[in-house]
Amino acid sequence: MIRPALVATVAALLTGCSGQPCDDLAALQAEREQRRAEQQRLVDERTATDDEIAAADDRLHAFERRVFELEQSCDRG
Protein backbone atom coordinates (compact mmCIF):
# COMPACT_ATOMS: atom_id res chain seq x y z
CA MET A 1 0.00 0.00 0.00
CA ILE A 2 2.74 2.47 0.86
CA ARG A 3 4.82 1.68 -2.20
CA PRO A 4 2.19 2.72 -4.82
CA ALA A 5 1.56 5.94 -2.90
CA LEU A 6 5.28 6.64 -2.77
CA VAL A 7 5.67 5.97 -6.49
CA ALA A 8 2.75 8.29 -7.27
CA THR A 9 4.19 11.04 -5.08
CA VAL A 10 7.64 10.79 -6.65
CA ALA A 11 6.13 10.77 -10.15
CA ALA A 12 4.09 13.88 -9.37
CA LEU A 13 7.16 15.69 -8.05
CA LEU A 14 9.24 14.74 -11.06
CA THR A 15 6.64 15.87 -13.57
CA GLY A 16 5.98 19.24 -12.03
CA CYS A 17 2.35 20.22 -12.23
CA SER A 18 1.33 17.38 -14.49
CA GLY A 19 -2.34 17.63 -15.28
CA GLN A 20 -2.82 20.82 -13.30
CA PRO A 21 -3.18 24.39 -14.48
CA CYS A 22 0.10 26.28 -14.45
CA ASP A 23 -0.64 29.80 -13.34
CA ASP A 24 3.05 30.73 -13.21
CA LEU A 25 3.94 29.45 -16.67
CA ALA A 26 3.61 32.79 -18.47
CA ALA A 27 5.83 34.50 -15.89
CA LEU A 28 8.44 31.74 -16.19
CA GLN A 29 8.39 32.00 -19.97
CA ALA A 30 8.94 35.76 -19.71
CA GLU A 31 11.78 35.21 -17.27
CA ARG A 32 13.31 32.69 -19.68
CA GLU A 33 13.31 35.32 -22.44
CA GLN A 34 14.85 37.87 -20.09
CA ARG A 35 17.58 35.41 -19.07
CA ARG A 36 18.29 34.63 -22.72
CA ALA A 37 18.69 38.35 -23.47
CA GLU A 38 20.98 38.81 -20.47
CA GLN A 39 23.10 35.87 -21.58
CA GLN A 40 23.39 37.33 -25.07
CA ARG A 41 24.44 40.71 -23.64
CA LEU A 42 27.05 38.99 -21.49
CA VAL A 43 28.52 37.35 -24.58
CA ASP A 44 28.24 40.46 -26.76
CA GLU A 45 29.81 42.83 -24.23
CA ARG A 46 32.80 40.53 -23.67
CA THR A 47 33.15 41.74 -20.07
CA ALA A 48 33.05 38.25 -18.54
CA THR A 49 35.62 35.49 -18.61
CA ASP A 50 35.02 32.32 -20.59
CA ASP A 51 34.43 30.46 -17.30
CA GLU A 52 31.85 33.02 -16.18
CA ILE A 53 30.08 32.80 -19.52
CA ALA A 54 30.10 29.00 -19.39
CA ALA A 55 28.68 28.99 -15.85
CA ALA A 56 25.97 31.50 -16.83
CA ASP A 57 25.18 29.40 -19.89
CA ASP A 58 24.82 26.28 -17.73
CA ARG A 59 22.41 28.12 -15.39
CA LEU A 60 20.40 29.38 -18.36
CA HIS A 61 20.11 25.91 -19.89
CA ALA A 62 19.04 24.41 -16.56
CA PHE A 63 16.32 27.06 -16.24
CA GLU A 64 15.24 26.51 -19.84
CA ARG A 65 14.94 22.76 -19.19
CA ARG A 66 12.75 23.37 -16.12
CA VAL A 67 10.46 25.72 -18.05
CA PHE A 68 10.27 23.32 -21.00
CA GLU A 69 9.38 20.41 -18.73
CA LEU A 70 6.70 22.51 -17.10
CA GLU A 71 5.36 23.52 -20.52
CA GLN A 72 5.13 19.86 -21.50
CA SER A 73 3.50 18.65 -18.29
CA CYS A 74 0.97 21.37 -17.56
CA ASP A 75 -2.67 21.21 -18.40
CA ARG A 76 -3.30 24.17 -20.67
CA GLY A 77 -6.94 23.39 -21.24
PDB file of N, CA and C in Angstrom:
ATOM      1  N   MET A   1       0.804  -1.188   0.000  1.00  0.00           N
ATOM      2  CA  MET A   1       0.000   0.000   0.000  1.00  0.00           C
ATOM      3  C   MET A   1       0.851   1.257   0.000  1.00  0.00           C
ATOM      4  N   ILE A   2       1.893   1.277   0.783  1.00  0.00           N
ATOM      5  CA  ILE A   2       2.738   2.465   0.859  1.00  0.00           C
ATOM      6  C   ILE A   2       3.527   2.650  -0.427  1.00  0.00           C
ATOM      7  N   ARG A   3       4.001   1.578  -1.005  1.00  0.00           N
ATOM      8  CA  ARG A   3       4.819   1.680  -2.203  1.00  0.00           C
ATOM      9  C   ARG A   3       4.101   2.370  -3.363  1.00  0.00           C
ATOM     10  N   PRO A   4       2.871   1.993  -3.723  1.00  0.00           N
ATOM     11  CA  PRO A   4       2.189   2.716  -4.817  1.00  0.00           C
ATOM     12  C   PRO A   4       2.010   4.197  -4.516  1.00  0.00           C
ATOM     13  N   ALA A   5       1.717   4.525  -3.267  1.00  0.00           N
ATOM     14  CA  ALA A   5       1.562   5.936  -2.903  1.00  0.00           C
ATOM     15  C   ALA A   5       2.878   6.670  -3.051  1.00  0.00           C
ATOM     16  N   LEU A   6       3.963   6.037  -2.650  1.00  0.00           N
ATOM     17  CA  LEU A   6       5.284   6.643  -2.769  1.00  0.00           C
ATOM     18  C   LEU A   6       5.652   6.849  -4.234  1.00  0.00           C
ATOM     19  N   VAL A   7       5.390   5.870  -5.060  1.00  0.00           N
ATOM     20  CA  VAL A   7       5.671   5.973  -6.490  1.00  0.00           C
ATOM     21  C   VAL A   7       4.852   7.113  -7.096  1.00  0.00           C
ATOM     22  N   ALA A   8       3.598   7.222  -6.733  1.00  0.00           N
ATOM     23  CA  ALA A   8       2.752   8.285  -7.266  1.00  0.00           C
ATOM     24  C   ALA A   8       3.243   9.653  -6.826  1.00  0.00           C
ATOM     25  N   THR A   9       3.684   9.764  -5.589  1.00  0.00           N
ATOM     26  CA  THR A   9       4.191  11.037  -5.076  1.00  0.00           C
ATOM     27  C   THR A   9       5.456  11.439  -5.802  1.00  0.00           C
ATOM     28  N   VAL A  10       6.382  10.507  -5.958  1.00  0.00           N
ATOM     29  CA  VAL A  10       7.640  10.792  -6.654  1.00  0.00           C
ATOM     30  C   VAL A  10       7.359  11.171  -8.096  1.00  0.00           C
ATOM     31  N   ALA A  11       6.464  10.462  -8.756  1.00  0.00           N
ATOM     32  CA  ALA A  11       6.131  10.775 -10.149  1.00  0.00           C
ATOM     33  C   ALA A  11       5.543  12.173 -10.263  1.00  0.00           C
ATOM     34  N   ALA A  12       4.685  12.541  -9.331  1.00  0.00           N
ATOM     35  CA  ALA A  12       4.092  13.881  -9.365  1.00  0.00           C
ATOM     36  C   ALA A  12       5.150  14.947  -9.176  1.00  0.00           C
ATOM     37  N   LEU A  13       6.094  14.713  -8.271  1.00  0.00           N
ATOM     38  CA  LEU A  13       7.159  15.687  -8.045  1.00  0.00           C
ATOM     39  C   LEU A  13       8.061  15.820  -9.257  1.00  0.00           C
ATOM     40  N   LEU A  14       8.347  14.720  -9.909  1.00  0.00           N
ATOM     41  CA  LEU A  14       9.244  14.743 -11.063  1.00  0.00           C
ATOM     42  C   LEU A  14       8.600  15.376 -12.285  1.00  0.00           C
ATOM     43  N   THR A  15       7.295  15.330 -12.386  1.00  0.00           N
ATOM     44  CA  THR A  15       6.639  15.869 -13.575  1.00  0.00           C
ATOM     45  C   THR A  15       6.131  17.275 -13.368  1.00  0.00           C
ATOM     46  N   GLY A  16       6.419  17.868 -12.265  1.00  0.00           N
ATOM     47  CA  GLY A  16       5.982  19.244 -12.030  1.00  0.00           C
ATOM     48  C   GLY A  16       4.512  19.285 -11.732  1.00  0.00           C
ATOM     49  N   CYS A  17       3.774  20.039 -12.505  1.00  0.00           N
ATOM     50  CA  CYS A  17       2.355  20.216 -12.226  1.00  0.00           C
ATOM     51  C   CYS A  17       1.506  19.369 -13.166  1.00  0.00           C
ATOM     52  N   SER A  18       1.986  18.222 -13.513  1.00  0.00           N
ATOM     53  CA  SER A  18       1.326  17.378 -14.492  1.00  0.00           C
ATOM     54  C   SER A  18      -0.178  17.301 -14.280  1.00  0.00           C
ATOM     55  N   GLY A  19      -0.908  17.705 -15.313  1.00  0.00           N
ATOM     56  CA  GLY A  19      -2.342  17.632 -15.276  1.00  0.00           C
ATOM     57  C   GLY A  19      -3.016  18.767 -14.535  1.00  0.00           C
ATOM     58  N   GLN A  20      -2.271  19.695 -14.042  1.00  0.00           N
ATOM     59  CA  GLN A  20      -2.824  20.819 -13.301  1.00  0.00           C
ATOM     60  C   GLN A  20      -2.578  22.106 -14.071  1.00  0.00           C
ATOM     61  N   PRO A  21      -3.428  23.102 -13.840  1.00  0.00           N
ATOM     62  CA  PRO A  21      -3.180  24.393 -14.478  1.00  0.00           C
ATOM     63  C   PRO A  21      -1.859  24.983 -13.984  1.00  0.00           C
ATOM     64  N   CYS A  22      -1.193  25.696 -14.823  1.00  0.00           N
ATOM     65  CA  CYS A  22       0.096  26.283 -14.448  1.00  0.00           C
ATOM     66  C   CYS A  22      -0.005  27.801 -14.505  1.00  0.00           C
ATOM     67  N   ASP A  23      -0.436  28.355 -13.414  1.00  0.00           N
ATOM     68  CA  ASP A  23      -0.640  29.795 -13.342  1.00  0.00           C
ATOM     69  C   ASP A  23       0.650  30.589 -13.524  1.00  0.00           C
ATOM     70  N   ASP A  24       1.776  30.013 -13.146  1.00  0.00           N
ATOM     71  CA  ASP A  24       3.054  30.728 -13.211  1.00  0.00           C
ATOM     72  C   ASP A  24       3.777  30.548 -14.537  1.00  0.00           C
ATOM     73  N   LEU A  25       3.226  29.774 -15.437  1.00  0.00           N
ATOM     74  CA  LEU A  25       3.941  29.447 -16.670  1.00  0.00           C
ATOM     75  C   LEU A  25       4.282  30.685 -17.493  1.00  0.00           C
ATOM     76  N   ALA A  26       3.353  31.593 -17.659  1.00  0.00           N
ATOM     77  CA  ALA A  26       3.615  32.792 -18.466  1.00  0.00           C
ATOM     78  C   ALA A  26       4.744  33.619 -17.863  1.00  0.00           C
ATOM     79  N   ALA A  27       4.764  33.739 -16.554  1.00  0.00           N
ATOM     80  CA  ALA A  27       5.829  34.495 -15.887  1.00  0.00           C
ATOM     81  C   ALA A  27       7.171  33.799 -16.073  1.00  0.00           C
ATOM     82  N   LEU A  28       7.192  32.481 -15.993  1.00  0.00           N
ATOM     83  CA  LEU A  28       8.435  31.743 -16.186  1.00  0.00           C
ATOM     84  C   LEU A  28       8.922  31.846 -17.624  1.00  0.00           C
ATOM     85  N   GLN A  29       8.010  31.840 -18.569  1.00  0.00           N
ATOM     86  CA  GLN A  29       8.393  32.002 -19.973  1.00  0.00           C
ATOM     87  C   GLN A  29       8.985  33.389 -20.204  1.00  0.00           C
ATOM     88  N   ALA A  30       8.398  34.405 -19.591  1.00  0.00           N
ATOM     89  CA  ALA A  30       8.937  35.765 -19.710  1.00  0.00           C
ATOM     90  C   ALA A  30      10.316  35.853 -19.070  1.00  0.00           C
ATOM     91  N   GLU A  31      10.470  35.207 -17.923  1.00  0.00           N
ATOM     92  CA  GLU A  31      11.780  35.206 -17.265  1.00  0.00           C
ATOM     93  C   GLU A  31      12.812  34.491 -18.125  1.00  0.00           C
ATOM     94  N   ARG A  32      12.395  33.415 -18.794  1.00  0.00           N
ATOM     95  CA  ARG A  32      13.310  32.692 -19.678  1.00  0.00           C
ATOM     96  C   ARG A  32      13.805  33.606 -20.791  1.00  0.00           C
ATOM     97  N   GLU A  33      12.908  34.391 -21.376  1.00  0.00           N
ATOM     98  CA  GLU A  33      13.310  35.322 -22.442  1.00  0.00           C
ATOM     99  C   GLU A  33      14.255  36.390 -21.904  1.00  0.00           C
ATOM    100  N   GLN A  34      13.981  36.867 -20.709  1.00  0.00           N
ATOM    101  CA  GLN A  34      14.854  37.865 -20.093  1.00  0.00           C
ATOM    102  C   GLN A  34      16.241  37.276 -19.838  1.00  0.00           C
ATOM    103  N   ARG A  35      16.282  36.061 -19.329  1.00  0.00           N
ATOM    104  CA  ARG A  35      17.578  35.411 -19.073  1.00  0.00           C
ATOM    105  C   ARG A  35      18.349  35.179 -20.363  1.00  0.00           C
ATOM    106  N   ARG A  36      17.633  34.826 -21.423  1.00  0.00           N
ATOM    107  CA  ARG A  36      18.292  34.633 -22.719  1.00  0.00           C
ATOM    108  C   ARG A  36      18.915  35.945 -23.194  1.00  0.00           C
ATOM    109  N   ALA A  37      18.182  37.042 -23.054  1.00  0.00           N
ATOM    110  CA  ALA A  37      18.692  38.353 -23.471  1.00  0.00           C
ATOM    111  C   ALA A  37      19.896  38.752 -22.634  1.00  0.00           C
ATOM    112  N   GLU A  38      19.843  38.493 -21.342  1.00  0.00           N
ATOM    113  CA  GLU A  38      20.978  38.808 -20.465  1.00  0.00           C
ATOM    114  C   GLU A  38      22.203  37.988 -20.844  1.00  0.00           C
ATOM    115  N   GLN A  39      21.989  36.738 -21.170  1.00  0.00           N
ATOM    116  CA  GLN A  39      23.096  35.873 -21.580  1.00  0.00           C
ATOM    117  C   GLN A  39      23.716  36.400 -22.874  1.00  0.00           C
ATOM    118  N   GLN A  40      22.882  36.806 -23.805  1.00  0.00           N
ATOM    119  CA  GLN A  40      23.393  37.335 -25.073  1.00  0.00           C
ATOM    120  C   GLN A  40      24.191  38.611 -24.844  1.00  0.00           C
ATOM    121  N   ARG A  41      23.703  39.481 -23.966  1.00  0.00           N
ATOM    122  CA  ARG A  41      24.441  40.711 -23.640  1.00  0.00           C
ATOM    123  C   ARG A  41      25.791  40.388 -23.015  1.00  0.00           C
ATOM    124  N   LEU A  42      25.808  39.398 -22.141  1.00  0.00           N
ATOM    125  CA  LEU A  42      27.049  38.991 -21.490  1.00  0.00           C
ATOM    126  C   LEU A  42      28.082  38.563 -22.532  1.00  0.00           C
ATOM    127  N   VAL A  43      27.624  37.817 -23.507  1.00  0.00           N
ATOM    128  CA  VAL A  43      28.518  37.346 -24.576  1.00  0.00           C
ATOM    129  C   VAL A  43      28.935  38.517 -25.473  1.00  0.00           C
ATOM    130  N   ASP A  44      27.970  39.352 -25.846  1.00  0.00           N
ATOM    131  CA  ASP A  44      28.244  40.458 -26.758  1.00  0.00           C
ATOM    132  C   ASP A  44      29.180  41.502 -26.156  1.00  0.00           C
ATOM    133  N   GLU A  45      29.008  41.786 -24.877  1.00  0.00           N
ATOM    134  CA  GLU A  45      29.809  42.830 -24.234  1.00  0.00           C
ATOM    135  C   GLU A  45      31.240  42.382 -23.936  1.00  0.00           C
ATOM    136  N   ARG A  46      31.460  41.094 -23.895  1.00  0.00           N
ATOM    137  CA  ARG A  46      32.805  40.533 -23.666  1.00  0.00           C
ATOM    138  C   ARG A  46      33.445  41.061 -22.382  1.00  0.00           C
ATOM    139  N   THR A  47      32.631  41.255 -21.348  1.00  0.00           N
ATOM    140  CA  THR A  47      33.149  41.742 -20.066  1.00  0.00           C
ATOM    141  C   THR A  47      33.350  40.605 -19.072  1.00  0.00           C
ATOM    142  N   ALA A  48      32.927  39.403 -19.432  1.00  0.00           N
ATOM    143  CA  ALA A  48      33.047  38.248 -18.544  1.00  0.00           C
ATOM    144  C   ALA A  48      34.100  37.293 -19.093  1.00  0.00           C
ATOM    145  N   THR A  49      34.654  36.504 -18.184  1.00  0.00           N
ATOM    146  CA  THR A  49      35.625  35.488 -18.612  1.00  0.00           C
ATOM    147  C   THR A  49      34.885  34.331 -19.269  1.00  0.00           C
ATOM    148  N   ASP A  50      35.621  33.499 -19.960  1.00  0.00           N
ATOM    149  CA  ASP A  50      35.015  32.318 -20.586  1.00  0.00           C
ATOM    150  C   ASP A  50      34.358  31.424 -19.538  1.00  0.00           C
ATOM    151  N   ASP A  51      35.007  31.281 -18.370  1.00  0.00           N
ATOM    152  CA  ASP A  51      34.433  30.458 -17.303  1.00  0.00           C
ATOM    153  C   ASP A  51      33.133  31.052 -16.780  1.00  0.00           C
ATOM    154  N   GLU A  52      33.072  32.364 -16.642  1.00  0.00           N
ATOM    155  CA  GLU A  52      31.852  33.021 -16.183  1.00  0.00           C
ATOM    156  C   GLU A  52      30.722  32.858 -17.203  1.00  0.00           C
ATOM    157  N   ILE A  53      31.073  32.979 -18.462  1.00  0.00           N
ATOM    158  CA  ILE A  53      30.077  32.803 -19.520  1.00  0.00           C
ATOM    159  C   ILE A  53      29.580  31.368 -19.538  1.00  0.00           C
ATOM    160  N   ALA A  54      30.493  30.412 -19.400  1.00  0.00           N
ATOM    161  CA  ALA A  54      30.099  29.001 -19.393  1.00  0.00           C
ATOM    162  C   ALA A  54      29.191  28.692 -18.202  1.00  0.00           C
ATOM    163  N   ALA A  55      29.504  29.219 -17.035  1.00  0.00           N
ATOM    164  CA  ALA A  55      28.676  28.994 -15.850  1.00  0.00           C
ATOM    165  C   ALA A  55      27.291  29.624 -16.028  1.00  0.00           C
ATOM    166  N   ALA A  56      27.245  30.837 -16.575  1.00  0.00           N
ATOM    167  CA  ALA A  56      25.966  31.500 -16.826  1.00  0.00           C
ATOM    168  C   ALA A  56      25.158  30.719 -17.863  1.00  0.00           C
ATOM    169  N   ASP A  57      25.837  30.189 -18.857  1.00  0.00           N
ATOM    170  CA  ASP A  57      25.181  29.396 -19.886  1.00  0.00           C
ATOM    171  C   ASP A  57      24.581  28.126 -19.281  1.00  0.00           C
ATOM    172  N   ASP A  58      25.324  27.478 -18.398  1.00  0.00           N
ATOM    173  CA  ASP A  58      24.816  26.278 -17.727  1.00  0.00           C
ATOM    174  C   ASP A  58      23.565  26.599 -16.900  1.00  0.00           C
ATOM    175  N   ARG A  59      23.584  27.726 -16.190  1.00  0.00           N
ATOM    176  CA  ARG A  59      22.414  28.124 -15.394  1.00  0.00           C
ATOM    177  C   ARG A  59      21.216  28.411 -16.300  1.00  0.00           C
ATOM    178  N   LEU A  60      21.473  29.082 -17.418  1.00  0.00           N
ATOM    179  CA  LEU A  60      20.404  29.384 -18.360  1.00  0.00           C
ATOM    180  C   LEU A  60      19.791  28.095 -18.902  1.00  0.00           C
ATOM    181  N   HIS A  61      20.623  27.159 -19.318  1.00  0.00           N
ATOM    182  CA  HIS A  61      20.115  25.910 -19.887  1.00  0.00           C
ATOM    183  C   HIS A  61      19.336  25.107 -18.852  1.00  0.00           C
ATOM    184  N   ALA A  62      19.773  25.112 -17.614  1.00  0.00           N
ATOM    185  CA  ALA A  62      19.041  24.409 -16.556  1.00  0.00           C
ATOM    186  C   ALA A  62      17.660  25.037 -16.365  1.00  0.00           C
ATOM    187  N   PHE A  63      17.603  26.367 -16.377  1.00  0.00           N
ATOM    188  CA  PHE A  63      16.321  27.059 -16.238  1.00  0.00           C
ATOM    189  C   PHE A  63      15.431  26.763 -17.442  1.00  0.00           C
ATOM    190  N   GLU A  64      16.011  26.802 -18.632  1.00  0.00           N
ATOM    191  CA  GLU A  64      15.244  26.509 -19.838  1.00  0.00           C
ATOM    192  C   GLU A  64      14.661  25.096 -19.792  1.00  0.00           C
ATOM    193  N   ARG A  65      15.431  24.135 -19.308  1.00  0.00           N
ATOM    194  CA  ARG A  65      14.938  22.762 -19.188  1.00  0.00           C
ATOM    195  C   ARG A  65      13.744  22.691 -18.236  1.00  0.00           C
ATOM    196  N   ARG A  66      13.848  23.380 -17.092  1.00  0.00           N
ATOM    197  CA  ARG A  66      12.746  23.367 -16.121  1.00  0.00           C
ATOM    198  C   ARG A  66      11.482  23.975 -16.733  1.00  0.00           C
ATOM    199  N   VAL A  67      11.627  25.075 -17.437  1.00  0.00           N
ATOM    200  CA  VAL A  67      10.461  25.716 -18.054  1.00  0.00           C
ATOM    201  C   VAL A  67       9.886  24.812 -19.138  1.00  0.00           C
ATOM    202  N   PHE A  68      10.735  24.214 -19.949  1.00  0.00           N
ATOM    203  CA  PHE A  68      10.269  23.316 -21.004  1.00  0.00           C
ATOM    204  C   PHE A  68       9.511  22.136 -20.414  1.00  0.00           C
ATOM    205  N   GLU A  69      10.054  21.539 -19.365  1.00  0.00           N
ATOM    206  CA  GLU A  69       9.384  20.405 -18.726  1.00  0.00           C
ATOM    207  C   GLU A  69       8.029  20.823 -18.172  1.00  0.00           C
ATOM    208  N   LEU A  70       7.964  22.001 -17.608  1.00  0.00           N
ATOM    209  CA  LEU A  70       6.702  22.508 -17.102  1.00  0.00           C
ATOM    210  C   LEU A  70       5.721  22.743 -18.249  1.00  0.00           C
ATOM    211  N   GLU A  71       6.212  23.299 -19.345  1.00  0.00           N
ATOM    212  CA  GLU A  71       5.355  23.520 -20.517  1.00  0.00           C
ATOM    213  C   GLU A  71       4.773  22.195 -21.004  1.00  0.00           C
ATOM    214  N   GLN A  72       5.573  21.156 -20.986  1.00  0.00           N
ATOM    215  CA  GLN A  72       5.128  19.856 -21.501  1.00  0.00           C
ATOM    216  C   GLN A  72       4.170  19.134 -20.555  1.00  0.00           C
ATOM    217  N   SER A  73       4.291  19.408 -19.258  1.00  0.00           N
ATOM    218  CA  SER A  73       3.504  18.651 -18.293  1.00  0.00           C
ATOM    219  C   SER A  73       2.244  19.350 -17.819  1.00  0.00           C
ATOM    220  N   CYS A  74       2.125  20.621 -18.078  1.00  0.00           N
ATOM    221  CA  CYS A  74       0.968  21.365 -17.565  1.00  0.00           C
ATOM    222  C   CYS A  74      -0.268  21.187 -18.414  1.00  0.00           C
ATOM    223  N   ASP A  75      -1.375  21.252 -17.739  1.00  0.00           N
ATOM    224  CA  ASP A  75      -2.674  21.206 -18.405  1.00  0.00           C
ATOM    225  C   ASP A  75      -3.010  22.623 -18.848  1.00  0.00           C
ATOM    226  N   ARG A  76      -3.022  22.826 -20.138  1.00  0.00           N
ATOM    227  CA  ARG A  76      -3.298  24.169 -20.671  1.00  0.00           C
ATOM    228  C   ARG A  76      -4.757  24.333 -21.063  1.00  0.00           C
ATOM    229  N   GLY A  77      -5.554  23.316 -20.837  1.00  0.00           N
ATOM    230  CA  GLY A  77      -6.944  23.391 -21.240  1.00  0.00           C
ATOM    231  C   GLY A  77      -7.756  23.931 -20.153  1.00  0.00           C
TER     232      GLY A  77
END
